[in-house]
Structures are given as C-alpha cells and as structure tokens.
PDB file of N, CA and C in Angstrom:
ATOM      1  N   MET A   1     106.861 114.356  36.241  1.00  0.00           N
ATOM      2  CA  MET A   1     105.984 114.285  34.887  1.00  0.00           C
ATOM      3  C   MET A   1     105.290 115.894  34.810  1.00  0.00           C
ATOM      4  N   HIS A   2     105.421 116.961  33.717  1.00  0.00           N
ATOM      5  CA  HIS A   2     104.627 117.699  33.659  1.00  0.00           C
ATOM      6  C   HIS A   2     104.320 117.433  32.486  1.00  0.00           C
ATOM      7  N   LEU A   3     102.099 117.953  32.388  1.00  0.00           N
ATOM      8  CA  LEU A   3     101.718 118.026  31.107  1.00  0.00           C
ATOM      9  C   LEU A   3     101.121 119.034  31.033  1.00  0.00           C
ATOM     10  N   MET A   4     100.836 119.889  29.554  1.00  0.00           N
ATOM     11  CA  MET A   4     100.307 120.741  29.533  1.00  0.00           C
ATOM     12  C   MET A   4      99.618 120.254  27.809  1.00  0.00           C
ATOM     13  N   HIS A   5      98.485 121.164  28.133  1.00  0.00           N
ATOM     14  CA  HIS A   5      96.789 120.560  27.140  1.00  0.00           C
ATOM     15  C   HIS A   5      97.310 121.907  25.612  1.00  0.00           C
ATOM     16  N   ASN A   6      97.529 121.361  24.667  1.00  0.00           N
ATOM     17  CA  ASN A   6      97.303 122.782  23.707  1.00  0.00           C
ATOM     18  C   ASN A   6      96.236 121.993  22.740  1.00  0.00           C
ATOM     19  N   SER A   7      95.524 122.430  22.073  1.00  0.00           N
ATOM     20  CA  SER A   7      94.581 120.956  21.413  1.00  0.00           C
ATOM     21  C   SER A   7      94.618 119.589  21.009  1.00  0.00           C
ATOM     22  N   GLN A   8      94.863 119.319  20.218  1.00  0.00           N
ATOM     23  CA  GLN A   8      95.012 117.380  19.700  1.00  0.00           C
ATOM     24  C   GLN A   8      96.425 117.291  20.695  1.00  0.00           C
ATOM     25  N   GLU A   9      97.227 117.769  20.901  1.00  0.00           N
ATOM     26  CA  GLU A   9      99.094 117.670  21.398  1.00  0.00           C
ATOM     27  C   GLU A   9      99.751 117.287  23.234  1.00  0.00           C
ATOM     28  N   ILE A  10      99.472 116.874  23.160  1.00  0.00           N
ATOM     29  CA  ILE A  10     100.007 116.582  24.893  1.00  0.00           C
ATOM     30  C   ILE A  10     101.691 116.797  24.521  1.00  0.00           C
ATOM     31  N   ALA A  11     102.474 118.070  25.556  1.00  0.00           N
ATOM     32  CA  ALA A  11     104.158 118.377  25.904  1.00  0.00           C
ATOM     33  C   ALA A  11     104.176 117.573  27.057  1.00  0.00           C
ATOM     34  N   PHE A  12     104.932 116.691  26.940  1.00  0.00           N
ATOM     35  CA  PHE A  12     106.102 116.138  28.300  1.00  0.00           C
ATOM     36  C   PHE A  12     107.228 116.959  28.824  1.00  0.00           C
ATOM     37  N   GLU A  13     106.998 116.132  29.793  1.00  0.00           N
ATOM     38  CA  GLU A  13     108.501 116.681  30.423  1.00  0.00           C
ATOM     39  C   GLU A  13     109.282 115.723  31.606  1.00  0.00           C
ATOM     40  N   PHE A  14     110.092 114.847  31.140  1.00  0.00           N
ATOM     41  CA  PHE A  14     110.315 113.819  32.643  1.00  0.00           C
ATOM     42  C   PHE A  14     111.346 114.408  32.904  1.00  0.00           C
ATOM     43  N   ILE A  15     111.531 114.272  33.994  1.00  0.00           N
ATOM     44  CA  ILE A  15     112.865 114.885  34.724  1.00  0.00           C
ATOM     45  C   ILE A  15     113.398 113.845  36.010  1.00  0.00           C
ATOM     46  N   CYS A  16     114.487 113.441  35.302  1.00  0.00           N
ATOM     47  CA  CYS A  16     114.966 112.132  36.066  1.00  0.00           C
ATOM     48  C   CYS A  16     116.263 112.284  36.847  1.00  0.00           C
ATOM     49  N   GLN A  17     116.141 112.030  37.928  1.00  0.00           N
ATOM     50  CA  GLN A  17     117.232 112.636  38.767  1.00  0.00           C
ATOM     51  C   GLN A  17     117.483 111.402  39.968  1.00  0.00           C
ATOM     52  N   ASP A  18     118.800 111.490  40.431  1.00  0.00           N
ATOM     53  CA  ASP A  18     119.367 110.671  41.385  1.00  0.00           C
ATOM     54  C   ASP A  18     120.096 109.387  40.029  1.00  0.00           C
ATOM     55  N   MET A  19     121.149 109.724  39.084  1.00  0.00           N
ATOM     56  CA  MET A  19     120.890 109.637  38.168  1.00  0.00           C
ATOM     57  C   MET A  19     122.579 108.158  38.559  1.00  0.00           C
ATOM     58  N   PRO A  20     122.279 107.435  38.286  1.00  0.00           N
ATOM     59  CA  PRO A  20     123.308 106.214  38.486  1.00  0.00           C
ATOM     60  C   PRO A  20     124.125 106.179  38.979  1.00  0.00           C
ATOM     61  N   GLY A  21     124.878 106.785  37.983  1.00  0.00           N
ATOM     62  CA  GLY A  21     126.443 106.937  37.541  1.00  0.00           C
ATOM     63  C   GLY A  21     126.956 106.418  36.255  1.00  0.00           C
ATOM     64  N   ARG A  22     128.169 106.141  35.073  1.00  0.00           N
ATOM     65  CA  ARG A  22     128.777 106.059  33.779  1.00  0.00           C
ATOM     66  C   ARG A  22     129.018 105.065  34.134  1.00  0.00           C
ATOM     67  N   THR A  23     129.304 103.709  35.228  1.00  0.00           N
ATOM     68  CA  THR A  23     129.461 102.458  35.286  1.00  0.00           C
ATOM     69  C   THR A  23     128.247 101.726  35.388  1.00  0.00           C
ATOM     70  N   PHE A  24     128.387 100.554  34.652  1.00  0.00           N
ATOM     71  CA  PHE A  24     127.153  99.262  35.763  1.00  0.00           C
ATOM     72  C   PHE A  24     127.740  98.193  34.896  1.00  0.00           C
ATOM     73  N   GLU A  25     128.262  96.987  36.023  1.00  0.00           N
ATOM     74  CA  GLU A  25     128.586  96.254  34.967  1.00  0.00           C
ATOM     75  C   GLU A  25     129.792  96.219  34.859  1.00  0.00           C
ATOM     76  N   HIS A  26     129.618  95.956  33.250  1.00  0.00           N
ATOM     77  CA  HIS A  26     131.017  95.754  32.677  1.00  0.00           C
ATOM     78  C   HIS A  26     131.042  97.034  31.292  1.00  0.00           C
ATOM     79  N   TRP A  27     130.323  98.180  31.218  1.00  0.00           N
ATOM     80  CA  TRP A  27     129.474  99.688  30.724  1.00  0.00           C
ATOM     81  C   TRP A  27     130.627 100.206  31.438  1.00  0.00           C
ATOM     82  N   SER A  28     130.723 101.127  30.319  1.00  0.00           N
ATOM     83  CA  SER A  28     132.042 102.370  31.264  1.00  0.00           C
ATOM     84  C   SER A  28     131.854 104.233  31.205  1.00  0.00           C
ATOM     85  N   ASP A  29     130.708 104.000  29.918  1.00  0.00           N
ATOM     86  CA  ASP A  29     129.978 104.878  29.798  1.00  0.00           C
ATOM     87  C   ASP A  29     128.616 105.263  29.351  1.00  0.00           C
ATOM     88  N   VAL A  30     127.751 105.134  31.299  1.00  0.00           N
ATOM     89  CA  VAL A  30     126.323 104.998  31.286  1.00  0.00           C
ATOM     90  C   VAL A  30     125.762 105.626  30.302  1.00  0.00           C
ATOM     91  N   ARG A  31     124.670 105.552  29.523  1.00  0.00           N
ATOM     92  CA  ARG A  31     123.498 106.831  29.026  1.00  0.00           C
ATOM     93  C   ARG A  31     122.093 106.872  30.079  1.00  0.00           C
ATOM     94  N   LEU A  32     121.498 107.959  29.623  1.00  0.00           N
ATOM     95  CA  LEU A  32     120.183 107.775  29.734  1.00  0.00           C
ATOM     96  C   LEU A  32     119.879 108.456  28.428  1.00  0.00           C
ATOM     97  N   GLY A  33     118.837 107.869  27.147  1.00  0.00           N
ATOM     98  CA  GLY A  33     118.018 109.049  26.016  1.00  0.00           C
ATOM     99  C   GLY A  33     116.368 108.838  25.887  1.00  0.00           C
ATOM    100  N   LEU A  34     115.792 108.311  25.091  1.00  0.00           N
ATOM    101  CA  LEU A  34     114.578 108.749  24.503  1.00  0.00           C
ATOM    102  C   LEU A  34     114.731 108.047  23.587  1.00  0.00           C
ATOM    103  N   ARG A  35     113.637 106.816  23.438  1.00  0.00           N
ATOM    104  CA  ARG A  35     113.121 106.315  21.647  1.00  0.00           C
ATOM    105  C   ARG A  35     112.308 107.335  21.500  1.00  0.00           C
ATOM    106  N   HIS A  36     112.773 107.332  20.239  1.00  0.00           N
ATOM    107  CA  HIS A  36     112.581 107.924  19.124  1.00  0.00           C
ATOM    108  C   HIS A  36     112.417 107.369  18.248  1.00  0.00           C
ATOM    109  N   GLY A  37     110.832 106.516  17.822  1.00  0.00           N
ATOM    110  CA  GLY A  37     111.113 105.689  16.665  1.00  0.00           C
ATOM    111  C   GLY A  37     112.507 104.507  17.251  1.00  0.00           C
ATOM    112  N   ASN A  38     112.760 104.211  15.879  1.00  0.00           N
ATOM    113  CA  ASN A  38     113.982 103.120  16.211  1.00  0.00           C
ATOM    114  C   ASN A  38     115.380 102.917  17.114  1.00  0.00           C
ATOM    115  N   THR A  39     115.201 104.794  17.103  1.00  0.00           N
ATOM    116  CA  THR A  39     117.032 105.079  17.758  1.00  0.00           C
ATOM    117  C   THR A  39     116.149 105.425  18.868  1.00  0.00           C
ATOM    118  N   VAL A  40     117.182 105.843  19.427  1.00  0.00           N
ATOM    119  CA  VAL A  40     117.607 106.766  20.829  1.00  0.00           C
ATOM    120  C   VAL A  40     118.517 108.471  21.331  1.00  0.00           C
ATOM    121  N   ILE A  41     117.226 108.915  21.188  1.00  0.00           N
ATOM    122  CA  ILE A  41     118.310 110.623  21.008  1.00  0.00           C
ATOM    123  C   ILE A  41     118.572 110.977  22.462  1.00  0.00           C
ATOM    124  N   ASP A  42     118.688 112.357  22.287  1.00  0.00           N
ATOM    125  CA  ASP A  42     119.316 113.224  23.282  1.00  0.00           C
ATOM    126  C   ASP A  42     119.536 112.337  24.885  1.00  0.00           C
ATOM    127  N   ASP A  43     120.497 111.473  24.851  1.00  0.00           N
ATOM    128  CA  ASP A  43     120.946 110.784  25.768  1.00  0.00           C
ATOM    129  C   ASP A  43     121.792 111.959  26.774  1.00  0.00           C
ATOM    130  N   GLU A  44     122.453 111.363  27.943  1.00  0.00           N
ATOM    131  CA  GLU A  44     122.149 112.312  28.932  1.00  0.00           C
ATOM    132  C   GLU A  44     123.439 111.434  29.760  1.00  0.00           C
ATOM    133  N   PRO A  45     124.283 111.629  29.858  1.00  0.00           N
ATOM    134  CA  PRO A  45     126.126 111.195  30.478  1.00  0.00           C
ATOM    135  C   PRO A  45     124.873 110.564  32.250  1.00  0.00           C
ATOM    136  N   GLY A  46     125.613 108.988  32.429  1.00  0.00           N
ATOM    137  CA  GLY A  46     124.749 108.412  33.692  1.00  0.00           C
ATOM    138  C   GLY A  46     125.191 109.463  34.995  1.00  0.00           C
ATOM    139  N   ASP A  47     126.118 110.258  34.699  1.00  0.00           N
ATOM    140  CA  ASP A  47     126.320 110.621  36.359  1.00  0.00           C
ATOM    141  C   ASP A  47     126.027 112.026  36.189  1.00  0.00           C
ATOM    142  N   SER A  48     125.122 112.565  35.202  1.00  0.00           N
ATOM    143  CA  SER A  48     124.443 113.653  35.736  1.00  0.00           C
ATOM    144  C   SER A  48     123.711 114.122  36.299  1.00  0.00           C
ATOM    145  N   GLU A  49     124.062 115.770  36.768  1.00  0.00           N
ATOM    146  CA  GLU A  49     122.797 115.646  38.175  1.00  0.00           C
ATOM    147  C   GLU A  49     121.359 115.320  38.005  1.00  0.00           C
ATOM    148  N   ASN A  50     120.619 115.781  36.942  1.00  0.00           N
ATOM    149  CA  ASN A  50     119.443 115.391  36.385  1.00  0.00           C
ATOM    150  C   ASN A  50     119.667 114.974  34.783  1.00  0.00           C
ATOM    151  N   ALA A  51     118.531 114.556  34.054  1.00  0.00           N
ATOM    152  CA  ALA A  51     117.990 114.458  32.936  1.00  0.00           C
ATOM    153  C   ALA A  51     116.830 115.746  32.400  1.00  0.00           C
ATOM    154  N   VAL A  52     116.749 115.506  31.121  1.00  0.00           N
ATOM    155  CA  VAL A  52     115.856 116.156  31.045  1.00  0.00           C
ATOM    156  C   VAL A  52     114.959 115.793  29.605  1.00  0.00           C
ATOM    157  N   PHE A  53     113.886 115.333  29.948  1.00  0.00           N
ATOM    158  CA  PHE A  53     113.790 114.773  28.339  1.00  0.00           C
ATOM    159  C   PHE A  53     112.377 115.713  28.077  1.00  0.00           C
ATOM    160  N   ARG A  54     112.357 116.664  26.929  1.00  0.00           N
ATOM    161  CA  ARG A  54     110.570 117.086  26.726  1.00  0.00           C
ATOM    162  C   ARG A  54     110.101 116.556  25.225  1.00  0.00           C
ATOM    163  N   PHE A  55     108.692 116.227  24.624  1.00  0.00           N
ATOM    164  CA  PHE A  55     108.631 115.906  23.389  1.00  0.00           C
ATOM    165  C   PHE A  55     107.070 115.726  23.641  1.00  0.00           C
ATOM    166  N   THR A  56     106.500 115.992  22.301  1.00  0.00           N
ATOM    167  CA  THR A  56     105.163 115.929  22.473  1.00  0.00           C
ATOM    168  C   THR A  56     105.173 114.476  21.735  1.00  0.00           C
ATOM    169  N   LEU A  57     103.198 114.921  22.010  1.00  0.00           N
ATOM    170  CA  LEU A  57     103.044 113.362  21.014  1.00  0.00           C
ATOM    171  C   LEU A  57     101.392 113.799  20.814  1.00  0.00           C
ATOM    172  N   ARG A  58     100.977 113.223  19.651  1.00  0.00           N
ATOM    173  CA  ARG A  58      99.189 113.962  19.894  1.00  0.00           C
ATOM    174  C   ARG A  58      98.399 113.386  19.614  1.00  0.00           C
ATOM    175  N   ILE A  59      97.640 113.482  19.942  1.00  0.00           N
ATOM    176  CA  ILE A  59      96.068 112.427  20.660  1.00  0.00           C
ATOM    177  C   ILE A  59      94.910 112.271  19.412  1.00  0.00           C
ATOM    178  N   ALA A  60      94.303 111.405  19.313  1.00  0.00           N
ATOM    179  CA  ALA A  60      93.400 110.748  18.264  1.00  0.00           C
ATOM    180  C   ALA A  60      92.318 109.760  18.678  1.00  0.00           C
ATOM    181  N   PRO A  61      91.670 110.563  19.193  1.00  0.00           N
ATOM    182  CA  PRO A  61      90.414 108.437  19.058  1.00  0.00           C
ATOM    183  C   PRO A  61      91.042 106.813  18.434  1.00  0.00           C
ATOM    184  N   ASN A  62      91.072 106.487  20.177  1.00  0.00           N
ATOM    185  CA  ASN A  62      91.518 105.142  19.450  1.00  0.00           C
ATOM    186  C   ASN A  62      90.298 104.338  18.044  1.00  0.00           C
ATOM    187  N   LYS A  63      90.155 103.934  17.157  1.00  0.00           N
ATOM    188  CA  LYS A  63      88.830 103.889  16.158  1.00  0.00           C
ATOM    189  C   LYS A  63      89.069 102.295  16.568  1.00  0.00           C
ATOM    190  N   LYS A  64      88.794 101.757  17.175  1.00  0.00           N
ATOM    191  CA  LYS A  64      88.583 100.558  17.890  1.00  0.00           C
ATOM    192  C   LYS A  64      87.547 100.328  19.204  1.00  0.00           C
ATOM    193  N   ASN A  65      87.645 101.844  20.050  1.00  0.00           N
ATOM    194  CA  ASN A  65      86.673 102.220  21.537  1.00  0.00           C
ATOM    195  C   ASN A  65      86.808 103.314  21.512  1.00  0.00           C
ATOM    196  N   GLY A  66      87.170 103.653  21.065  1.00  0.00           N
ATOM    197  CA  GLY A  66      87.535 105.361  21.554  1.00  0.00           C
ATOM    198  C   GLY A  66      87.663 105.789  22.217  1.00  0.00           C
ATOM    199  N   GLN A  67      88.299 105.259  23.254  1.00  0.00           N
ATOM    200  CA  GLN A  67      90.002 105.977  23.989  1.00  0.00           C
ATOM    201  C   GLN A  67      91.461 106.643  23.848  1.00  0.00           C
ATOM    202  N   PRO A  68      91.855 107.444  24.275  1.00  0.00           N
ATOM    203  CA  PRO A  68      92.622 107.953  23.308  1.00  0.00           C
ATOM    204  C   PRO A  68      94.307 107.414  23.096  1.00  0.00           C
ATOM    205  N   ASN A  69      94.910 107.421  21.914  1.00  0.00           N
ATOM    206  CA  ASN A  69      95.363 107.066  21.344  1.00  0.00           C
ATOM    207  C   ASN A  69      96.556 108.345  20.999  1.00  0.00           C
ATOM    208  N   PHE A  70      97.989 107.377  22.046  1.00  0.00           N
ATOM    209  CA  PHE A  70      98.874 107.918  21.527  1.00  0.00           C
ATOM    210  C   PHE A  70      99.030 108.509  20.556  1.00  0.00           C
ATOM    211  N   LEU A  71     100.075 109.328  19.391  1.00  0.00           N
ATOM    212  CA  LEU A  71     100.628 109.222  18.074  1.00  0.00           C
ATOM    213  C   LEU A  71     101.962 109.799  17.917  1.00  0.00           C
ATOM    214  N   GLY A  72     103.078 109.478  17.007  1.00  0.00           N
ATOM    215  CA  GLY A  72     104.042 110.086  17.167  1.00  0.00           C
ATOM    216  C   GLY A  72     105.238 109.193  17.281  1.00  0.00           C
ATOM    217  N   PRO A  73     105.940 109.697  16.979  1.00  0.00           N
ATOM    218  CA  PRO A  73     107.620 108.582  16.971  1.00  0.00           C
ATOM    219  C   PRO A  73     108.207 108.219  18.070  1.00  0.00           C
ATOM    220  N   TYR A  74     107.614 109.263  19.415  1.00  0.00           N
ATOM    221  CA  TYR A  74     108.489 108.474  20.843  1.00  0.00           C
ATOM    222  C   TYR A  74     107.147 107.440  21.311  1.00  0.00           C
ATOM    223  N   ALA A  75     106.037 107.592  21.146  1.00  0.00           N
ATOM    224  CA  ALA A  75     105.144 106.335  20.911  1.00  0.00           C
ATOM    225  C   ALA A  75     105.207 105.087  20.644  1.00  0.00           C
ATOM    226  N   GLN A  76     105.036 104.063  21.832  1.00  0.00           N
ATOM    227  CA  GLN A  76     105.190 102.886  21.670  1.00  0.00           C
ATOM    228  C   GLN A  76     104.192 101.638  21.159  1.00  0.00           C
ATOM    229  N   GLY A  77     104.494 100.726  21.220  1.00  0.00           N
ATOM    230  CA  GLY A  77     103.140  99.527  21.921  1.00  0.00           C
ATOM    231  C   GLY A  77     102.296  99.937  20.647  1.00  0.00           C
ATOM    232  N   THR A  78     101.606  99.003  21.288  1.00  0.00           N
ATOM    233  CA  THR A  78      99.438  99.214  20.814  1.00  0.00           C
ATOM    234  C   THR A  78      99.014 100.720  21.234  1.00  0.00           C
ATOM    235  N   PRO A  79      98.200 101.032  20.154  1.00  0.00           N
ATOM    236  CA  PRO A  79      96.844 101.885  20.166  1.00  0.00           C
ATOM    237  C   PRO A  79      96.506 101.532  21.958  1.00  0.00           C
ATOM    238  N   GLU A  80      96.393 100.064  22.654  1.00  0.00           N
ATOM    239  CA  GLU A  80      95.675 100.235  23.808  1.00  0.00           C
ATOM    240  C   GLU A  80      96.509  99.971  24.898  1.00  0.00           C
ATOM    241  N   GLN A  81      97.814  99.738  24.626  1.00  0.00           N
ATOM    242  CA  GLN A  81      98.951 100.209  25.234  1.00  0.00           C
ATOM    243  C   GLN A  81     100.512 100.677  25.118  1.00  0.00           C
ATOM    244  N   ARG A  82      99.865 102.401  24.714  1.00  0.00           N
ATOM    245  CA  ARG A  82     101.282 103.171  24.463  1.00  0.00           C
ATOM    246  C   ARG A  82     102.042 103.220  25.545  1.00  0.00           C
ATOM    247  N   PHE A  83     103.359 103.095  25.569  1.00  0.00           N
ATOM    248  CA  PHE A  83     104.668 103.592  26.214  1.00  0.00           C
ATOM    249  C   PHE A  83     105.182 104.822  25.208  1.00  0.00           C
ATOM    250  N   VAL A  84     106.348 105.426  26.160  1.00  0.00           N
ATOM    251  CA  VAL A  84     106.979 105.684  26.619  1.00  0.00           C
ATOM    252  C   VAL A  84     108.633 104.970  26.816  1.00  0.00           C
ATOM    253  N   TYR A  85     109.904 104.753  25.887  1.00  0.00           N
ATOM    254  CA  TYR A  85     111.060 104.352  26.510  1.00  0.00           C
ATOM    255  C   TYR A  85     111.382 105.985  27.035  1.00  0.00           C
ATOM    256  N   LEU A  86     112.235 105.037  28.537  1.00  0.00           N
ATOM    257  CA  LEU A  86     113.662 105.128  28.876  1.00  0.00           C
ATOM    258  C   LEU A  86     114.614 104.588  29.305  1.00  0.00           C
ATOM    259  N   CYS A  87     115.770 104.743  27.424  1.00  0.00           N
ATOM    260  CA  CYS A  87     116.829 104.199  27.432  1.00  0.00           C
ATOM    261  C   CYS A  87     118.046 103.446  28.036  1.00  0.00           C
ATOM    262  N   TRP A  88     118.496 102.824  28.824  1.00  0.00           N
ATOM    263  CA  TRP A  88     120.277 103.048  28.962  1.00  0.00           C
ATOM    264  C   TRP A  88     121.076 102.274  28.252  1.00  0.00           C
ATOM    265  N   GLY A  89     121.887 102.863  27.608  1.00  0.00           N
ATOM    266  CA  GLY A  89     122.749 102.523  27.198  1.00  0.00           C
ATOM    267  C   GLY A  89     124.655 103.247  27.092  1.00  0.00           C
ATOM    268  N   GLU A  90     124.959 102.963  25.929  1.00  0.00           N
ATOM    269  CA  GLU A  90     126.302 103.426  25.773  1.00  0.00           C
ATOM    270  C   GLU A  90     126.093 104.170  24.280  1.00  0.00           C
ATOM    271  N   ARG A  91     127.044 104.973  24.048  1.00  0.00           N
ATOM    272  CA  ARG A  91     126.963 105.538  22.712  1.00  0.00           C
ATOM    273  C   ARG A  91     127.946 105.549  21.932  1.00  0.00           C
ATOM    274  N   ARG A  92     128.200 104.808  20.710  1.00  0.00           N
ATOM    275  CA  ARG A  92     128.926 104.359  20.582  1.00  0.00           C
ATOM    276  C   ARG A  92     129.701 105.414  18.968  1.00  0.00           C
ATOM    277  N   GLY A  93     130.118 106.695  18.838  1.00  0.00           N
ATOM    278  CA  GLY A  93     129.816 107.123  17.365  1.00  0.00           C
ATOM    279  C   GLY A  93     128.325 107.806  17.852  1.00  0.00           C
ATOM    280  N   ASP A  94     127.738 107.336  16.146  1.00  0.00           N
ATOM    281  CA  ASP A  94     126.608 107.328  15.628  1.00  0.00           C
ATOM    282  C   ASP A  94     125.190 105.796  16.261  1.00  0.00           C
ATOM    283  N   GLU A  95     126.283 104.915  17.006  1.00  0.00           N
ATOM    284  CA  GLU A  95     125.877 103.494  17.120  1.00  0.00           C
ATOM    285  C   GLU A  95     124.590 104.407  18.322  1.00  0.00           C
ATOM    286  N   TRP A  96     124.120 103.080  19.693  1.00  0.00           N
ATOM    287  CA  TRP A  96     123.649 103.054  20.387  1.00  0.00           C
ATOM    288  C   TRP A  96     123.545 101.674  20.925  1.00  0.00           C
ATOM    289  N   GLU A  97     124.269 101.101  21.985  1.00  0.00           N
ATOM    290  CA  GLU A  97     123.720  99.782  22.563  1.00  0.00           C
ATOM    291  C   GLU A  97     123.513  99.651  24.003  1.00  0.00           C
ATOM    292  N   GLY A  98     122.212  99.689  23.998  1.00  0.00           N
ATOM    293  CA  GLY A  98     121.914  99.740  24.895  1.00  0.00           C
ATOM    294  C   GLY A  98     121.418  98.196  25.391  1.00  0.00           C
ATOM    295  N   PHE A  99     120.599  98.742  26.805  1.00  0.00           N
ATOM    296  CA  PHE A  99     121.108  97.296  27.760  1.00  0.00           C
ATOM    297  C   PHE A  99     119.829  97.064  28.594  1.00  0.00           C
ATOM    298  N   ARG A 100     119.392  98.606  28.842  1.00  0.00           N
ATOM    299  CA  ARG A 100     118.597  98.516  30.591  1.00  0.00           C
ATOM    300  C   ARG A 100     117.338  99.219  30.071  1.00  0.00           C
ATOM    301  N   ARG A 101     115.693  99.543  29.382  1.00  0.00           N
ATOM    302  CA  ARG A 101     115.276 100.766  29.585  1.00  0.00           C
ATOM    303  C   ARG A 101     114.159 100.262  30.193  1.00  0.00           C
ATOM    304  N   ALA A 102     113.331 101.323  30.051  1.00  0.00           N
ATOM    305  CA  ALA A 102     111.962 101.419  31.095  1.00  0.00           C
ATOM    306  C   ALA A 102     111.004 102.113  30.903  1.00  0.00           C
ATOM    307  N   LYS A 103     110.095 101.161  30.654  1.00  0.00           N
ATOM    308  CA  LYS A 103     108.562 102.116  29.747  1.00  0.00           C
ATOM    309  C   LYS A 103     106.721 102.640  30.835  1.00  0.00           C
ATOM    310  N   ILE A 104     107.302 103.992  30.222  1.00  0.00           N
ATOM    311  CA  ILE A 104     106.356 104.519  30.826  1.00  0.00           C
ATOM    312  C   ILE A 104     105.307 104.112  30.236  1.00  0.00           C
ATOM    313  N   HIS A 105     104.142 103.993  30.875  1.00  0.00           N
ATOM    314  CA  HIS A 105     102.961 103.853  30.085  1.00  0.00           C
ATOM    315  C   HIS A 105     102.281 105.080  30.594  1.00  0.00           C
ATOM    316  N   LEU A 106     101.605 105.272  28.926  1.00  0.00           N
ATOM    317  CA  LEU A 106     100.437 106.252  28.857  1.00  0.00           C
ATOM    318  C   LEU A 106      98.780 106.226  28.960  1.00  0.00           C
ATOM    319  N   LYS A 107      98.850 105.299  29.988  1.00  0.00           N
ATOM    320  CA  LYS A 107      97.067 105.416  29.541  1.00  0.00           C
ATOM    321  C   LYS A 107      96.177 105.335  30.854  1.00  0.00           C
ATOM    322  N   GLN A 108      97.071 105.704  32.089  1.00  0.00           N
ATOM    323  CA  GLN A 108      96.263 107.242  33.757  1.00  0.00           C
ATOM    324  C   GLN A 108      96.085 108.169  32.755  1.00  0.00           C
ATOM    325  N   ILE A 109      97.554 108.656  31.496  1.00  0.00           N
ATOM    326  CA  ILE A 109      96.945 110.464  31.466  1.00  0.00           C
ATOM    327  C   ILE A 109      96.055 110.535  30.581  1.00  0.00           C
TER     328      ILE A 109
END
C-alpha cells in the first residue's frame, strides 16, 4: 500500500498479487473488486497477474475524540473503526454476487 498525503485527502493504492484464479467451489468467474458505497467497482478477474485499486479518502477529526476520521464512499464502518472492503464474487451484467470480502482496517494509518 502506498500513501501520498495531499492536504485533507490521502490517495491509496492497493496492489493485490498472487491472485487465486477464476474458480472457487461452485464459482466459475471469480473477480476481486473494491467496495464503493453499497456497490463493488473496478473488479478484476481472479486469474489476473495482479489487481490494482486506486482511490482517495478525505480526513477530518472525529468529533468524539479528535482522532483522524476517514470519509468518502470507500470508507466503511464507524468513525472509530473505519475500513475498506476488497470483495470476492462474480459479476453478472450490472449485478455483483459476492461470497467473500476482506476488511482493510485504516486505524493504524
């Protein structure tokens, strides 16, 4: 993960390597995508050499404790426990059917 500080925003780049392939259990077209609000976007095939996800989050002080609060459509969870989701699933047209996801916690950043 690479971070670039720019005033009140941080640009993230997640580089996912050693992808597992396109099949898993009964799934035949596995993809990895980034959660944006309630949808998954920028999904890449599970047999790609790597998948790169770039996005930015805004930062503002948490009103309760003054700690950094990550904001924007990629930020999930409560202000105290923010994270970003990487999601495994299949894309069928515009529909996403997910079966696994990974939380990338932001508290230590």
